[in-house]
Amino acid sequence: MSQKRIYKQYPQEFKEEAVALVTEQGYSVPEAAKSLGIATNLLYRWKEKQEQSASELRPSETELEELKRLRQEVKTLRMEKEILKGIRIIWLLCEIERWATSKTHNGLTG
């Protein structure tokens, strides 16, 4: 009777820390794998999987250009909004002055 091989499962945090030994602390994959008591090819797989996940999350060059363009557009629109607010305030002040002037000329003030 043949027995099924049982594979040890490692928590995600352990995998991330193992890969960090290589990517952040400068250990080679064989050194890190040996110190953790795991197979070298396993650590290579974890590292590759983490790198693929990271590259999928990174925006593409086209997306970065679009983001830059949209940020510039937002900046322009905000400036235009502030200018229009200023124009509205000036217009309201002129209307108030015109109204006050017309009341004075019509003899309606006390």
PDB file of N, CA and C in Angstrom:
ATOM      1  N   MET A   1       0.840  -1.162   0.000  1.00  0.00           N
ATOM      2  CA  MET A   1       0.000   0.000   0.000  1.00  0.00           C
ATOM      3  C   MET A   1       0.900   1.245   0.000  1.00  0.00           C
ATOM      4  N   SER A   2       0.610   2.194  -0.904  1.00  0.00           N
ATOM      5  CA  SER A   2       1.432   3.402  -0.967  1.00  0.00           C
ATOM      6  C   SER A   2       0.805   4.498  -0.118  1.00  0.00           C
ATOM      7  N   GLN A   3       1.669   5.278   0.449  1.00  0.00           N
ATOM      8  CA  GLN A   3       1.183   6.368   1.291  1.00  0.00           C
ATOM      9  C   GLN A   3       1.213   7.667   0.490  1.00  0.00           C
ATOM     10  N   LYS A   4       0.211   8.521   0.751  1.00  0.00           N
ATOM     11  CA  LYS A   4       0.206   9.832   0.115  1.00  0.00           C
ATOM     12  C   LYS A   4       1.215  10.725   0.803  1.00  0.00           C
ATOM     13  N   ARG A   5       1.863  11.525   0.004  1.00  0.00           N
ATOM     14  CA  ARG A   5       2.845  12.463   0.555  1.00  0.00           C
ATOM     15  C   ARG A   5       2.108  13.637   1.190  1.00  0.00           C
ATOM     16  N   ILE A   6       2.483  13.993   2.378  1.00  0.00           N
ATOM     17  CA  ILE A   6       1.865  15.117   3.074  1.00  0.00           C
ATOM     18  C   ILE A   6       2.811  16.312   2.982  1.00  0.00           C
ATOM     19  N   TYR A   7       2.285  17.398   2.423  1.00  0.00           N
ATOM     20  CA  TYR A   7       3.079  18.615   2.283  1.00  0.00           C
ATOM     21  C   TYR A   7       2.789  19.543   3.452  1.00  0.00           C
ATOM     22  N   LYS A   8       3.844  20.112   3.959  1.00  0.00           N
ATOM     23  CA  LYS A   8       3.682  21.071   5.049  1.00  0.00           C
ATOM     24  C   LYS A   8       3.192  22.384   4.476  1.00  0.00           C
ATOM     25  N   GLN A   9       2.215  22.956   5.124  1.00  0.00           N
ATOM     26  CA  GLN A   9       1.700  24.249   4.689  1.00  0.00           C
ATOM     27  C   GLN A   9       2.215  25.333   5.621  1.00  0.00           C
ATOM     28  N   TYR A  10       2.647  26.419   5.031  1.00  0.00           N
ATOM     29  CA  TYR A  10       3.210  27.520   5.792  1.00  0.00           C
ATOM     30  C   TYR A  10       2.253  28.699   5.768  1.00  0.00           C
ATOM     31  N   PRO A  11       2.141  29.413   6.879  1.00  0.00           N
ATOM     32  CA  PRO A  11       1.280  30.599   6.893  1.00  0.00           C
ATOM     33  C   PRO A  11       1.819  31.674   5.941  1.00  0.00           C
ATOM     34  N   GLN A  12       0.931  32.502   5.447  1.00  0.00           N
ATOM     35  CA  GLN A  12       1.313  33.565   4.506  1.00  0.00           C
ATOM     36  C   GLN A  12       2.351  34.492   5.119  1.00  0.00           C
ATOM     37  N   GLU A  13       2.209  34.792   6.387  1.00  0.00           N
ATOM     38  CA  GLU A  13       3.158  35.685   7.063  1.00  0.00           C
ATOM     39  C   GLU A  13       4.570  35.092   7.049  1.00  0.00           C
ATOM     40  N   PHE A  14       4.672  33.795   7.251  1.00  0.00           N
ATOM     41  CA  PHE A  14       5.970  33.123   7.220  1.00  0.00           C
ATOM     42  C   PHE A  14       6.588  33.246   5.830  1.00  0.00           C
ATOM     43  N   LYS A  15       5.763  33.047   4.808  1.00  0.00           N
ATOM     44  CA  LYS A  15       6.249  33.142   3.423  1.00  0.00           C
ATOM     45  C   LYS A  15       6.765  34.554   3.135  1.00  0.00           C
ATOM     46  N   GLU A  16       5.995  35.547   3.560  1.00  0.00           N
ATOM     47  CA  GLU A  16       6.384  36.942   3.318  1.00  0.00           C
ATOM     48  C   GLU A  16       7.687  37.288   4.035  1.00  0.00           C
ATOM     49  N   GLU A  17       7.827  36.814   5.256  1.00  0.00           N
ATOM     50  CA  GLU A  17       9.052  37.093   6.010  1.00  0.00           C
ATOM     51  C   GLU A  17      10.246  36.355   5.415  1.00  0.00           C
ATOM     52  N   ALA A  18      10.002  35.161   4.904  1.00  0.00           N
ATOM     53  CA  ALA A  18      11.081  34.404   4.271  1.00  0.00           C
ATOM     54  C   ALA A  18      11.563  35.138   3.015  1.00  0.00           C
ATOM     55  N   VAL A  19      10.644  35.621   2.227  1.00  0.00           N
ATOM     56  CA  VAL A  19      11.001  36.369   1.008  1.00  0.00           C
ATOM     57  C   VAL A  19      11.695  37.677   1.393  1.00  0.00           C
ATOM     58  N   ALA A  20      11.251  38.296   2.474  1.00  0.00           N
ATOM     59  CA  ALA A  20      11.868  39.549   2.928  1.00  0.00           C
ATOM     60  C   ALA A  20      13.333  39.346   3.312  1.00  0.00           C
ATOM     61  N   LEU A  21      13.682  38.175   3.811  1.00  0.00           N
ATOM     62  CA  LEU A  21      15.090  37.892   4.114  1.00  0.00           C
ATOM     63  C   LEU A  21      15.952  38.060   2.861  1.00  0.00           C
ATOM     64  N   VAL A  22      15.395  37.666   1.727  1.00  0.00           N
ATOM     65  CA  VAL A  22      16.129  37.744   0.465  1.00  0.00           C
ATOM     66  C   VAL A  22      16.054  39.151  -0.120  1.00  0.00           C
ATOM     67  N   THR A  23      14.838  39.705  -0.186  1.00  0.00           N
ATOM     68  CA  THR A  23      14.654  40.980  -0.892  1.00  0.00           C
ATOM     69  C   THR A  23      15.074  42.200  -0.082  1.00  0.00           C
ATOM     70  N   GLU A  24      14.952  42.119   1.227  1.00  0.00           N
ATOM     71  CA  GLU A  24      15.219  43.306   2.045  1.00  0.00           C
ATOM     72  C   GLU A  24      16.490  43.204   2.876  1.00  0.00           C
ATOM     73  N   GLN A  25      16.881  41.987   3.229  1.00  0.00           N
ATOM     74  CA  GLN A  25      18.029  41.853   4.122  1.00  0.00           C
ATOM     75  C   GLN A  25      19.268  41.317   3.433  1.00  0.00           C
ATOM     76  N   GLY A  26      19.161  41.027   2.140  1.00  0.00           N
ATOM     77  CA  GLY A  26      20.332  40.672   1.373  1.00  0.00           C
ATOM     78  C   GLY A  26      20.799  39.226   1.448  1.00  0.00           C
ATOM     79  N   TYR A  27      20.021  38.355   2.054  1.00  0.00           N
ATOM     80  CA  TYR A  27      20.389  36.945   2.061  1.00  0.00           C
ATOM     81  C   TYR A  27      20.196  36.359   0.671  1.00  0.00           C
ATOM     82  N   SER A  28      20.980  35.373   0.332  1.00  0.00           N
ATOM     83  CA  SER A  28      20.719  34.650  -0.919  1.00  0.00           C
ATOM     84  C   SER A  28      19.573  33.681  -0.642  1.00  0.00           C
ATOM     85  N   VAL A  29      18.928  33.224  -1.698  1.00  0.00           N
ATOM     86  CA  VAL A  29      17.820  32.287  -1.526  1.00  0.00           C
ATOM     87  C   VAL A  29      18.294  31.009  -0.834  1.00  0.00           C
ATOM     88  N   PRO A  30      19.417  30.411  -1.265  1.00  0.00           N
ATOM     89  CA  PRO A  30      19.869  29.196  -0.574  1.00  0.00           C
ATOM     90  C   PRO A  30      20.187  29.424   0.911  1.00  0.00           C
ATOM     91  N   GLU A  31      20.796  30.570   1.230  1.00  0.00           N
ATOM     92  CA  GLU A  31      21.111  30.869   2.633  1.00  0.00           C
ATOM     93  C   GLU A  31      19.840  30.987   3.473  1.00  0.00           C
ATOM     94  N   ALA A  32      18.894  31.751   2.956  1.00  0.00           N
ATOM     95  CA  ALA A  32      17.645  31.958   3.688  1.00  0.00           C
ATOM     96  C   ALA A  32      16.890  30.644   3.849  1.00  0.00           C
ATOM     97  N   ALA A  33      16.811  29.876   2.767  1.00  0.00           N
ATOM     98  CA  ALA A  33      16.090  28.601   2.817  1.00  0.00           C
ATOM     99  C   ALA A  33      16.723  27.662   3.843  1.00  0.00           C
ATOM    100  N   LYS A  34      18.052  27.603   3.854  1.00  0.00           N
ATOM    101  CA  LYS A  34      18.751  26.724   4.796  1.00  0.00           C
ATOM    102  C   LYS A  34      18.495  27.152   6.233  1.00  0.00           C
ATOM    103  N   SER A  35      18.563  28.460   6.482  1.00  0.00           N
ATOM    104  CA  SER A  35      18.364  28.939   7.853  1.00  0.00           C
ATOM    105  C   SER A  35      16.924  28.740   8.323  1.00  0.00           C
ATOM    106  N   LEU A  36      15.979  28.704   7.396  1.00  0.00           N
ATOM    107  CA  LEU A  36      14.578  28.491   7.757  1.00  0.00           C
ATOM    108  C   LEU A  36      14.179  27.018   7.731  1.00  0.00           C
ATOM    109  N   GLY A  37      15.055  26.176   7.200  1.00  0.00           N
ATOM    110  CA  GLY A  37      14.754  24.756   7.134  1.00  0.00           C
ATOM    111  C   GLY A  37      13.731  24.394   6.076  1.00  0.00           C
ATOM    112  N   ILE A  38      13.759  25.129   4.975  1.00  0.00           N
ATOM    113  CA  ILE A  38      12.834  24.832   3.878  1.00  0.00           C
ATOM    114  C   ILE A  38      13.623  24.583   2.602  1.00  0.00           C
ATOM    115  N   ALA A  39      12.967  24.008   1.617  1.00  0.00           N
ATOM    116  CA  ALA A  39      13.623  23.721   0.342  1.00  0.00           C
ATOM    117  C   ALA A  39      13.874  25.019  -0.422  1.00  0.00           C
ATOM    118  N   THR A  40      15.001  25.084  -1.093  1.00  0.00           N
ATOM    119  CA  THR A  40      15.383  26.274  -1.865  1.00  0.00           C
ATOM    120  C   THR A  40      14.359  26.583  -2.947  1.00  0.00           C
ATOM    121  N   ASN A  41      13.913  25.539  -3.659  1.00  0.00           N
ATOM    122  CA  ASN A  41      12.956  25.788  -4.750  1.00  0.00           C
ATOM    123  C   ASN A  41      11.638  26.346  -4.217  1.00  0.00           C
ATOM    124  N   LEU A  42      11.268  26.011  -2.984  1.00  0.00           N
ATOM    125  CA  LEU A  42      10.051  26.539  -2.375  1.00  0.00           C
ATOM    126  C   LEU A  42      10.177  28.046  -2.170  1.00  0.00           C
ATOM    127  N   LEU A  43      11.319  28.466  -1.656  1.00  0.00           N
ATOM    128  CA  LEU A  43      11.544  29.891  -1.433  1.00  0.00           C
ATOM    129  C   LEU A  43      11.605  30.649  -2.766  1.00  0.00           C
ATOM    130  N   TYR A  44      12.212  30.044  -3.790  1.00  0.00           N
ATOM    131  CA  TYR A  44      12.215  30.667  -5.117  1.00  0.00           C
ATOM    132  C   TYR A  44      10.780  30.867  -5.620  1.00  0.00           C
ATOM    133  N   ARG A  45       9.933  29.873  -5.406  1.00  0.00           N
ATOM    134  CA  ARG A  45       8.527  29.978  -5.848  1.00  0.00           C
ATOM    135  C   ARG A  45       7.799  31.087  -5.108  1.00  0.00           C
ATOM    136  N   TRP A  46       7.992  31.154  -3.779  1.00  0.00           N
ATOM    137  CA  TRP A  46       7.344  32.200  -2.990  1.00  0.00           C
ATOM    138  C   TRP A  46       7.792  33.584  -3.450  1.00  0.00           C
ATOM    139  N   LYS A  47       9.079  33.701  -3.696  1.00  0.00           N
ATOM    140  CA  LYS A  47       9.643  34.983  -4.139  1.00  0.00           C
ATOM    141  C   LYS A  47       9.058  35.374  -5.494  1.00  0.00           C
ATOM    142  N   GLU A  48       9.001  34.443  -6.419  1.00  0.00           N
ATOM    143  CA  GLU A  48       8.466  34.715  -7.747  1.00  0.00           C
ATOM    144  C   GLU A  48       6.987  35.097  -7.674  1.00  0.00           C
ATOM    145  N   LYS A  49       6.242  34.379  -6.859  1.00  0.00           N
ATOM    146  CA  LYS A  49       4.816  34.670  -6.711  1.00  0.00           C
ATOM    147  C   LYS A  49       4.608  36.064  -6.134  1.00  0.00           C
ATOM    148  N   GLN A  50       5.408  36.425  -5.137  1.00  0.00           N
ATOM    149  CA  GLN A  50       5.294  37.754  -4.526  1.00  0.00           C
ATOM    150  C   GLN A  50       5.665  38.849  -5.529  1.00  0.00           C
ATOM    151  N   GLU A  51       6.685  38.615  -6.333  1.00  0.00           N
ATOM    152  CA  GLU A  51       7.092  39.597  -7.344  1.00  0.00           C
ATOM    153  C   GLU A  51       6.011  39.761  -8.405  1.00  0.00           C
ATOM    154  N   GLN A  52       5.371  38.662  -8.805  1.00  0.00           N
ATOM    155  CA  GLN A  52       4.290  38.740  -9.785  1.00  0.00           C
ATOM    156  C   GLN A  52       3.113  39.527  -9.225  1.00  0.00           C
ATOM    157  N   SER A  53       2.774  39.262  -7.982  1.00  0.00           N
ATOM    158  CA  SER A  53       1.668  39.985  -7.340  1.00  0.00           C
ATOM    159  C   SER A  53       1.974  41.476  -7.275  1.00  0.00           C
ATOM    160  N   ALA A  54       3.201  41.804  -6.936  1.00  0.00           N
ATOM    161  CA  ALA A  54       3.593  43.217  -6.836  1.00  0.00           C
ATOM    162  C   ALA A  54       3.549  43.897  -8.196  1.00  0.00           C
ATOM    163  N   SER A  55       3.979  43.203  -9.247  1.00  0.00           N
ATOM    164  CA  SER A  55       3.985  43.827 -10.571  1.00  0.00           C
ATOM    165  C   SER A  55       2.573  43.994 -11.107  1.00  0.00           C
ATOM    166  N   GLU A  56       1.655  43.131 -10.719  1.00  0.00           N
ATOM    167  CA  GLU A  56       0.268  43.270 -11.155  1.00  0.00           C
ATOM    168  C   GLU A  56      -0.389  44.478 -10.500  1.00  0.00           C
ATOM    169  N   LEU A  57       0.052  44.826  -9.311  1.00  0.00           N
ATOM    170  CA  LEU A  57      -0.520  45.958  -8.599  1.00  0.00           C
ATOM    171  C   LEU A  57       0.030  47.291  -9.093  1.00  0.00           C
ATOM    172  N   ARG A  58       1.209  47.272  -9.669  1.00  0.00           N
ATOM    173  CA  ARG A  58       1.837  48.486 -10.165  1.00  0.00           C
ATOM    174  C   ARG A  58       1.102  48.992 -11.402  1.00  0.00           C
ATOM    175  N   PRO A  59       0.809  50.297 -11.455  1.00  0.00           N
ATOM    176  CA  PRO A  59       0.144  50.827 -12.652  1.00  0.00           C
ATOM    177  C   PRO A  59       1.077  50.793 -13.867  1.00  0.00           C
ATOM    178  N   SER A  60       0.470  50.614 -15.027  1.00  0.00           N
ATOM    179  CA  SER A  60       1.254  50.586 -16.259  1.00  0.00           C
ATOM    180  C   SER A  60       1.689  52.005 -16.622  1.00  0.00           C
ATOM    181  N   GLU A  61       2.564  52.103 -17.613  1.00  0.00           N
ATOM    182  CA  GLU A  61       3.054  53.413 -18.065  1.00  0.00           C
ATOM    183  C   GLU A  61       1.887  54.264 -18.577  1.00  0.00           C
ATOM    184  N   THR A  62       0.968  53.643 -19.292  1.00  0.00           N
ATOM    185  CA  THR A  62      -0.209  54.347 -19.819  1.00  0.00           C
ATOM    186  C   THR A  62      -1.073  54.864 -18.672  1.00  0.00           C
ATOM    187  N   GLU A  63      -1.256  54.030 -17.649  1.00  0.00           N
ATOM    188  CA  GLU A  63      -2.052  54.448 -16.496  1.00  0.00           C
ATOM    189  C   GLU A  63      -1.378  55.590 -15.745  1.00  0.00           C
ATOM    190  N   LEU A  64      -0.061  55.553 -15.642  1.00  0.00           N
ATOM    191  CA  LEU A  64       0.658  56.643 -14.973  1.00  0.00           C
ATOM    192  C   LEU A  64       0.515  57.952 -15.739  1.00  0.00           C
ATOM    193  N   GLU A  65       0.587  57.874 -17.066  1.00  0.00           N
ATOM    194  CA  GLU A  65       0.413  59.079 -17.888  1.00  0.00           C
ATOM    195  C   GLU A  65      -1.000  59.632 -17.732  1.00  0.00           C
ATOM    196  N   GLU A  66      -1.995  58.749 -17.732  1.00  0.00           N
ATOM    197  CA  GLU A  66      -3.387  59.165 -17.559  1.00  0.00           C
ATOM    198  C   GLU A  66      -3.585  59.801 -16.185  1.00  0.00           C
ATOM    199  N   LEU A  67      -2.984  59.216 -15.165  1.00  0.00           N
ATOM    200  CA  LEU A  67      -3.073  59.763 -13.816  1.00  0.00           C
ATOM    201  C   LEU A  67      -2.469  61.162 -13.756  1.00  0.00           C
ATOM    202  N   LYS A  68      -1.324  61.343 -14.390  1.00  0.00           N
ATOM    203  CA  LYS A  68      -0.662  62.651 -14.428  1.00  0.00           C
ATOM    204  C   LYS A  68      -1.552  63.676 -15.141  1.00  0.00           C
ATOM    205  N   ARG A  69      -2.128  63.259 -16.267  1.00  0.00           N
ATOM    206  CA  ARG A  69      -3.007  64.157 -17.024  1.00  0.00           C
ATOM    207  C   ARG A  69      -4.240  64.541 -16.207  1.00  0.00           C
ATOM    208  N   LEU A  70      -4.833  63.564 -15.531  1.00  0.00           N
ATOM    209  CA  LEU A  70      -6.031  63.831 -14.730  1.00  0.00           C
ATOM    210  C   LEU A  70      -5.728  64.735 -13.533  1.00  0.00           C
ATOM    211  N   ARG A  71      -4.562  64.540 -12.925  1.00  0.00           N
ATOM    212  CA  ARG A  71      -4.181  65.413 -11.803  1.00  0.00           C
ATOM    213  C   ARG A  71      -4.018  66.861 -12.281  1.00  0.00           C
ATOM    214  N   GLN A  72      -3.417  67.027 -13.452  1.00  0.00           N
ATOM    215  CA  GLN A  72      -3.254  68.369 -14.005  1.00  0.00           C
ATOM    216  C   GLN A  72      -4.623  68.982 -14.312  1.00  0.00           C
ATOM    217  N   GLU A  73      -5.525  68.163 -14.838  1.00  0.00           N
ATOM    218  CA  GLU A  73      -6.878  68.641 -15.151  1.00  0.00           C
ATOM    219  C   GLU A  73      -7.609  69.064 -13.878  1.00  0.00           C
ATOM    220  N   VAL A  74      -7.472  68.281 -12.812  1.00  0.00           N
ATOM    221  CA  VAL A  74      -8.096  68.627 -11.535  1.00  0.00           C
ATOM    222  C   VAL A  74      -7.530  69.942 -11.018  1.00  0.00           C
ATOM    223  N   LYS A  75      -6.227  70.106 -11.126  1.00  0.00           N
ATOM    224  CA  LYS A  75      -5.578  71.346 -10.676  1.00  0.00           C
ATOM    225  C   LYS A  75      -6.135  72.542 -11.449  1.00  0.00           C
ATOM    226  N   THR A  76      -6.249  72.396 -12.763  1.00  0.00           N
ATOM    227  CA  THR A  76      -6.782  73.468 -13.611  1.00  0.00           C
ATOM    228  C   THR A  76      -8.229  73.784 -13.243  1.00  0.00           C
ATOM    229  N   LEU A  77      -9.038  72.749 -13.066  1.00  0.00           N
ATOM    230  CA  LEU A  77     -10.447  72.955 -12.728  1.00  0.00           C
ATOM    231  C   LEU A  77     -10.605  73.631 -11.372  1.00  0.00           C
ATOM    232  N   ARG A  78      -9.757  73.282 -10.422  1.00  0.00           N
ATOM    233  CA  ARG A  78      -9.819  73.935  -9.105  1.00  0.00           C
ATOM    234  C   ARG A  78      -9.463  75.411  -9.209  1.00  0.00           C
ATOM    235  N   MET A  79      -8.462  75.728 -10.027  1.00  0.00           N
ATOM    236  CA  MET A  79      -8.091  77.133 -10.216  1.00  0.00           C
ATOM    237  C   MET A  79      -9.238  77.889 -10.879  1.00  0.00           C
ATOM    238  N   GLU A  80      -9.852  77.292 -11.899  1.00  0.00           N
ATOM    239  CA  GLU A  80     -10.979  77.932 -12.583  1.00  0.00           C
ATOM    240  C   GLU A  80     -12.136  78.157 -11.610  1.00  0.00           C
ATOM    241  N   LYS A  81     -12.376  77.198 -10.735  1.00  0.00           N
ATOM    242  CA  LYS A  81     -13.445  77.315  -9.741  1.00  0.00           C
ATOM    243  C   LYS A  81     -13.181  78.501  -8.821  1.00  0.00           C
ATOM    244  N   GLU A  82     -11.929  78.644  -8.364  1.00  0.00           N
ATOM    245  CA  GLU A  82     -11.577  79.750  -7.483  1.00  0.00           C
ATOM    246  C   GLU A  82     -11.729  81.099  -8.205  1.00  0.00           C
ATOM    247  N   ILE A  83     -11.355  81.128  -9.464  1.00  0.00           N
ATOM    248  CA  ILE A  83     -11.509  82.358 -10.251  1.00  0.00           C
ATOM    249  C   ILE A  83     -12.984  82.720 -10.374  1.00  0.00           C
ATOM    250  N   LEU A  84     -13.808  81.718 -10.666  1.00  0.00           N
ATOM    251  CA  LEU A  84     -15.249  81.969 -10.790  1.00  0.00           C
ATOM    252  C   LEU A  84     -15.864  82.415  -9.466  1.00  0.00           C
ATOM    253  N   LYS A  85     -15.374  81.870  -8.356  1.00  0.00           N
ATOM    254  CA  LYS A  85     -15.851  82.319  -7.044  1.00  0.00           C
ATOM    255  C   LYS A  85     -15.538  83.800  -6.861  1.00  0.00           C
ATOM    256  N   GLY A  86     -14.301  84.182  -7.233  1.00  0.00           N
ATOM    257  CA  GLY A  86     -13.890  85.578  -7.114  1.00  0.00           C
ATOM    258  C   GLY A  86     -14.739  86.487  -7.985  1.00  0.00           C
ATOM    259  N   ILE A  87     -15.002  86.060  -9.205  1.00  0.00           N
ATOM    260  CA  ILE A  87     -15.830  86.851 -10.114  1.00  0.00           C
ATOM    261  C   ILE A  87     -17.233  87.007  -9.540  1.00  0.00           C
ATOM    262  N   ARG A  88     -17.779  85.944  -8.976  1.00  0.00           N
ATOM    263  CA  ARG A  88     -19.117  85.988  -8.389  1.00  0.00           C
ATOM    264  C   ARG A  88     -19.159  86.972  -7.231  1.00  0.00           C
ATOM    265  N   ILE A  89     -18.117  86.957  -6.390  1.00  0.00           N
ATOM    266  CA  ILE A  89     -18.064  87.877  -5.252  1.00  0.00           C
ATOM    267  C   ILE A  89     -18.008  89.318  -5.749  1.00  0.00           C
ATOM    268  N   ILE A  90     -17.172  89.571  -6.755  1.00  0.00           N
ATOM    269  CA  ILE A  90     -17.073  90.926  -7.317  1.00  0.00           C
ATOM    270  C   ILE A  90     -18.418  91.358  -7.887  1.00  0.00           C
ATOM    271  N   TRP A  91     -19.075  90.448  -8.606  1.00  0.00           N
ATOM    272  CA  TRP A  91     -20.383  90.761  -9.200  1.00  0.00           C
ATOM    273  C   TRP A  91     -21.404  91.080  -8.109  1.00  0.00           C
ATOM    274  N   LEU A  92     -21.413  90.280  -7.028  1.00  0.00           N
ATOM    275  CA  LEU A  92     -22.345  90.531  -5.924  1.00  0.00           C
ATOM    276  C   LEU A  92     -22.064  91.875  -5.256  1.00  0.00           C
ATOM    277  N   LEU A  93     -20.782  92.204  -5.066  1.00  0.00           N
ATOM    278  CA  LEU A  93     -20.437  93.500  -4.463  1.00  0.00           C
ATOM    279  C   LEU A  93     -20.896  94.650  -5.355  1.00  0.00           C
ATOM    280  N   CYS A  94     -20.728  94.485  -6.659  1.00  0.00           N
ATOM    281  CA  CYS A  94     -21.188  95.519  -7.598  1.00  0.00           C
ATOM    282  C   CYS A  94     -22.700  95.669  -7.539  1.00  0.00           C
ATOM    283  N   GLU A  95     -23.410  94.559  -7.444  1.00  0.00           N
ATOM    284  CA  GLU A  95     -24.874  94.607  -7.345  1.00  0.00           C
ATOM    285  C   GLU A  95     -25.312  95.296  -6.060  1.00  0.00           C
ATOM    286  N   ILE A  96     -24.626  94.991  -4.966  1.00  0.00           N
ATOM    287  CA  ILE A  96     -24.965  95.625  -3.680  1.00  0.00           C
ATOM    288  C   ILE A  96     -24.709  97.122  -3.770  1.00  0.00           C
ATOM    289  N   GLU A  97     -23.573  97.486  -4.355  1.00  0.00           N
ATOM    290  CA  GLU A  97     -23.245  98.912  -4.489  1.00  0.00           C
ATOM    291  C   GLU A  97     -24.265  99.617  -5.380  1.00  0.00           C
ATOM    292  N   ARG A  98     -24.642  98.955  -6.483  1.00  0.00           N
ATOM    293  CA  ARG A  98     -25.636  99.537  -7.395  1.00  0.00           C
ATOM    294  C   ARG A  98     -26.972  99.707  -6.675  1.00  0.00           C
ATOM    295  N   TRP A  99     -27.351  98.706  -5.887  1.00  0.00           N
ATOM    296  CA  TRP A  99     -28.603  98.775  -5.149  1.00  0.00           C
ATOM    297  C   TRP A  99     -28.551  99.905  -4.121  1.00  0.00           C
ATOM    298  N   ALA A 100     -27.409  99.994  -3.388  1.00  0.00           N
ATOM    299  CA  ALA A 100     -27.247 101.045  -2.382  1.00  0.00           C
ATOM    300  C   ALA A 100     -27.242 102.411  -3.040  1.00  0.00           C
ATOM    301  N   THR A 101     -26.616 102.533  -4.187  1.00  0.00           N
ATOM    302  CA  THR A 101     -26.564 103.796  -4.907  1.00  0.00           C
ATOM    303  C   THR A 101     -27.964 104.186  -5.393  1.00  0.00           C
ATOM    304  N   SER A 102     -28.703 103.248  -5.894  1.00  0.00           N
ATOM    305  CA  SER A 102     -30.046 103.549  -6.395  1.00  0.00           C
ATOM    306  C   SER A 102     -30.953 103.937  -5.243  1.00  0.00           C
ATOM    307  N   LYS A 103     -30.791 103.375  -4.077  1.00  0.00           N
ATOM    308  CA  LYS A 103     -31.602 103.749  -2.916  1.00  0.00           C
ATOM    309  C   LYS A 103     -31.266 105.171  -2.494  1.00  0.00           C
ATOM    310  N   THR A 104     -29.967 105.523  -2.535  1.00  0.00           N
ATOM    311  CA  THR A 104     -29.534 106.859  -2.142  1.00  0.00           C
ATOM    312  C   THR A 104     -30.072 107.886  -3.123  1.00  0.00           C
ATOM    313  N   HIS A 105     -30.011 107.604  -4.409  1.00  0.00           N
ATOM    314  CA  HIS A 105     -30.461 108.547  -5.437  1.00  0.00           C
ATOM    315  C   HIS A 105     -31.985 108.672  -5.454  1.00  0.00           C
ATOM    316  N   ASN A 106     -32.661 107.680  -5.036  1.00  0.00           N
ATOM    317  CA  ASN A 106     -34.115 107.732  -5.006  1.00  0.00           C
ATOM    318  C   ASN A 106     -34.652 108.335  -3.715  1.00  0.00           C
ATOM    319  N   GLY A 107     -33.735 108.731  -2.826  1.00  0.00           N
ATOM    320  CA  GLY A 107     -34.125 109.363  -1.583  1.00  0.00           C
ATOM    321  C   GLY A 107     -34.764 108.416  -0.577  1.00  0.00           C
ATOM    322  N   LEU A 108     -34.413 107.170  -0.647  1.00  0.00           N
ATOM    323  CA  LEU A 108     -35.031 106.192   0.230  1.00  0.00           C
ATOM    324  C   LEU A 108     -34.222 105.974   1.511  1.00  0.00           C
ATOM    325  N   THR A 109     -33.040 106.568   1.593  1.00  0.00           N
ATOM    326  CA  THR A 109     -32.258 106.363   2.807  1.00  0.00           C
ATOM    327  C   THR A 109     -32.633 107.415   3.838  1.00  0.00           C
ATOM    328  N   GLY A 110     -32.426 107.094   5.115  1.00  0.00           N
ATOM    329  CA  GLY A 110     -32.839 107.886   6.240  1.00  0.00           C
ATOM    330  C   GLY A 110     -32.102 109.098   6.464  1.00  0.00           C
TER     331      GLY A 110
END
